[in-house]
Amino acid sequence: VQAACSQMIEELGFELAEMEYAKEPDTGWVLTFYIHKPGGVDLNDCEKVSRAIEPIVDELDGSDEAYYLSVSSLGLERPFKKTRDFQRYLDEEIELRFYVPIDLAGLAHVAGEEAPEKSKKKTKKNKSKELHGLLRCVEEGQIAIEIEGICYDIARESIALARPHLTWGRSEHGKR
């Protein structure tokens, strides 16, 4: 189902970001397709995709369970889960929260330059549990975030939460 629907969704100009099948307390089983496109997703987009994939889902669904089909955008503040989620926000502001405060002193380098050898000096005042800045690089196990012209290389495993940093009234990404 996912592969066939993903192909149809891509033909319509969207990306299938995630598919979820969950039992909701009041409605029963819900099959949700989360879609994305640059510039954002609106209600008309969700309706267009829903109408296109409904026959595919009906044809390929092998279960006897009744379910609701839902198509949704990723949402404004949806946390990043996969590498692709980070990649969508390259060169945009993001928020990071960490499991434990991280020492920024050993992670810093000037934006646009290679990171130097890790600094041995650690001080309590350089530790932070939350940051926001421009996402500059995404690799499988690491990201780079720029804050006031300084880039910090951060291991993804240290990140408890990453999501877009919202600034109301001035978004280049538009609706989401």
Protein backbone atom coordinates (compact mmCIF):
# COMPACT_ATOMS: atom_id res chain seq x y z
CA VAL A 1 0.00 0.00 0.00
CA GLN A 2 2.72 2.47 1.01
CA ALA A 3 4.82 1.97 -2.14
CA ALA A 4 1.84 2.28 -4.50
CA CYS A 5 0.46 5.33 -2.71
CA SER A 6 3.89 6.94 -2.48
CA GLN A 7 4.25 6.73 -6.25
CA MET A 8 0.82 8.35 -6.80
CA ILE A 9 1.57 11.06 -4.22
CA GLU A 10 4.87 11.88 -5.97
CA GLU A 11 3.10 12.07 -9.34
CA LEU A 12 0.82 14.72 -7.80
CA GLY A 13 3.88 16.77 -6.75
CA PHE A 14 4.07 15.84 -3.07
CA GLU A 15 6.34 13.75 -0.88
CA LEU A 16 4.97 11.01 1.37
CA ALA A 17 6.77 11.92 4.58
CA GLU A 18 5.20 9.29 6.79
CA MET A 19 2.36 6.78 6.92
CA GLU A 20 0.70 5.80 10.18
CA TYR A 21 -1.92 3.19 11.03
CA ALA A 22 -3.27 3.67 14.54
CA LYS A 23 -6.34 2.89 16.59
CA GLU A 24 -8.00 6.07 17.86
CA PRO A 25 -10.24 5.88 20.96
CA ASP A 26 -13.33 7.48 19.41
CA THR A 27 -13.01 6.66 15.72
CA GLY A 28 -11.36 3.25 15.50
CA TRP A 29 -8.58 2.51 13.01
CA VAL A 30 -7.15 5.49 11.09
CA LEU A 31 -4.71 5.23 8.19
CA THR A 32 -2.95 8.59 7.93
CA PHE A 33 -0.66 9.75 5.14
CA TYR A 34 1.51 12.77 6.06
CA ILE A 35 2.48 14.70 2.95
CA HIS A 36 4.91 17.54 2.24
CA LYS A 37 5.72 19.94 -0.57
CA PRO A 38 7.91 23.06 -0.64
CA GLY A 39 5.74 26.05 0.20
CA GLY A 40 3.44 24.00 2.38
CA VAL A 41 0.33 21.86 2.19
CA ASP A 42 -3.23 23.17 2.42
CA LEU A 43 -6.66 21.56 2.76
CA ASN A 44 -7.18 21.39 -1.03
CA ASP A 45 -3.87 19.50 -1.36
CA CYS A 46 -4.96 16.98 1.27
CA GLU A 47 -8.30 16.47 -0.49
CA LYS A 48 -6.60 16.02 -3.88
CA VAL A 49 -4.23 13.39 -2.51
CA SER A 50 -6.99 11.63 -0.57
CA ARG A 51 -9.16 11.28 -3.68
CA ALA A 52 -6.21 9.96 -5.68
CA ILE A 53 -5.03 7.33 -3.20
CA GLU A 54 -8.41 6.13 -1.89
CA PRO A 55 -8.97 3.66 -4.78
CA ILE A 56 -5.41 2.36 -4.40
CA VAL A 57 -5.83 1.78 -0.67
CA ASP A 58 -9.22 0.12 -1.20
CA GLU A 59 -7.79 -2.20 -3.85
CA LEU A 60 -4.65 -3.20 -1.92
CA ASP A 61 -6.06 -3.30 1.61
CA GLY A 62 -6.16 -6.92 2.71
CA SER A 63 -7.76 -6.49 6.12
CA ASP A 64 -11.39 -6.87 7.10
CA GLU A 65 -11.07 -4.01 9.60
CA ALA A 66 -12.96 -0.81 8.87
CA TYR A 67 -10.74 2.27 8.90
CA TYR A 68 -10.75 5.97 8.14
CA LEU A 69 -8.39 7.36 5.51
CA SER A 70 -6.72 10.61 6.51
CA VAL A 71 -4.28 12.84 4.61
CA SER A 72 -2.49 15.56 6.55
CA SER A 73 0.40 17.99 6.36
CA LEU A 74 3.36 17.46 8.65
CA GLY A 75 2.22 20.39 10.80
CA LEU A 76 4.05 23.55 11.83
CA GLU A 77 5.86 22.23 14.88
CA ARG A 78 6.24 18.57 14.01
CA PRO A 79 9.44 17.15 15.52
CA PHE A 80 12.09 15.83 13.13
CA LYS A 81 12.38 12.05 13.25
CA LYS A 82 14.37 11.09 10.17
CA THR A 83 17.34 12.49 8.27
CA ARG A 84 14.92 13.63 5.54
CA ASP A 85 13.02 15.73 8.10
CA PHE A 86 16.23 17.64 8.88
CA GLN A 87 17.08 18.00 5.18
CA ARG A 88 13.78 19.79 4.49
CA TYR A 89 14.95 22.60 6.78
CA LEU A 90 18.51 23.18 5.52
CA ASP A 91 19.39 26.88 5.83
CA GLU A 92 16.33 27.55 7.98
CA GLU A 93 15.97 28.18 11.71
CA ILE A 94 15.41 25.17 13.92
CA GLU A 95 15.12 24.52 17.66
CA LEU A 96 17.10 21.85 19.46
CA ARG A 97 16.65 20.37 22.93
CA PHE A 98 19.16 17.94 24.37
CA TYR A 99 18.90 15.02 26.77
CA VAL A 100 21.62 16.58 28.92
CA PRO A 101 23.31 20.00 28.62
CA ILE A 102 26.03 19.91 25.97
CA ASP A 103 29.37 21.72 26.09
CA LEU A 104 29.46 24.09 23.11
CA ALA A 105 33.12 25.05 23.48
CA GLY A 106 34.42 21.89 21.82
CA LEU A 107 31.85 21.93 19.04
CA ALA A 108 32.33 25.43 17.58
CA HIS A 109 33.95 26.64 14.36
CA VAL A 110 33.50 29.68 12.11
CA ALA A 111 30.69 29.24 9.58
CA GLY A 112 32.02 28.14 6.21
CA GLU A 113 35.28 26.72 7.62
CA GLU A 114 36.26 23.22 8.64
CA ALA A 115 35.82 22.38 12.31
CA PRO A 116 39.11 22.52 14.25
CA GLU A 117 40.38 19.84 16.59
CA LYS A 118 38.00 19.50 19.52
CA SER A 119 38.82 21.90 22.32
CA LYS A 120 39.82 20.29 25.62
CA LYS A 121 38.61 23.27 27.65
CA LYS A 122 35.18 22.69 29.17
CA THR A 123 33.37 25.24 31.25
CA LYS A 124 29.95 25.22 32.83
CA LYS A 125 28.97 28.51 31.20
CA ASN A 126 29.40 26.98 27.71
CA LYS A 127 26.83 24.26 28.42
CA SER A 128 23.35 24.47 26.98
CA LYS A 129 20.24 22.28 27.03
CA GLU A 130 18.40 24.26 24.30
CA LEU A 131 19.55 26.07 21.15
CA HIS A 132 18.06 27.61 18.06
CA GLY A 133 19.85 28.68 14.92
CA LEU A 134 20.28 28.02 11.20
CA LEU A 135 20.61 24.39 10.16
CA ARG A 136 23.69 24.33 7.91
CA CYS A 137 24.57 20.67 7.40
CA VAL A 138 22.84 17.31 7.79
CA GLU A 139 24.68 14.03 7.83
CA GLU A 140 23.49 10.61 8.98
CA GLY A 141 24.75 10.92 12.56
CA GLN A 142 25.35 14.66 12.90
CA ILE A 143 24.10 18.13 12.08
CA ALA A 144 25.69 21.58 12.06
CA ILE A 145 23.77 24.57 13.40
CA GLU A 146 24.91 28.18 12.99
CA ILE A 147 24.37 30.68 15.80
CA GLU A 148 25.67 34.26 15.37
CA GLY A 149 28.22 33.24 12.71
CA ILE A 150 29.56 30.25 14.69
CA CYS A 151 28.75 26.69 13.63
CA TYR A 152 28.34 23.88 16.13
CA ASP A 153 28.68 20.24 15.08
CA ILE A 154 26.15 18.26 17.08
CA ALA A 155 25.73 14.49 17.29
CA ARG A 156 22.15 13.50 16.49
CA GLU A 157 22.14 11.01 19.36
CA SER A 158 22.42 13.91 21.84
CA ILE A 159 19.26 15.59 20.47
CA ALA A 160 16.06 14.90 22.40
CA LEU A 161 13.90 17.16 20.21
CA ALA A 162 14.46 19.00 16.93
CA ARG A 163 11.80 21.02 15.12
CA PRO A 164 11.30 24.18 13.07
CA HIS A 165 11.82 27.43 14.97
CA LEU A 166 8.69 29.44 14.35
CA THR A 167 8.84 33.19 13.95
CA TRP A 168 5.31 34.42 13.39
CA GLY A 169 4.83 36.90 10.58
CA ARG A 170 8.00 36.20 8.56
CA SER A 171 8.25 32.74 7.13
CA GLU A 172 9.95 31.96 3.84
CA HIS A 173 8.52 28.46 3.99
CA GLY A 174 4.97 29.81 3.96
CA LYS A 175 2.24 27.51 5.14
CA ARG A 176 3.12 24.01 6.27
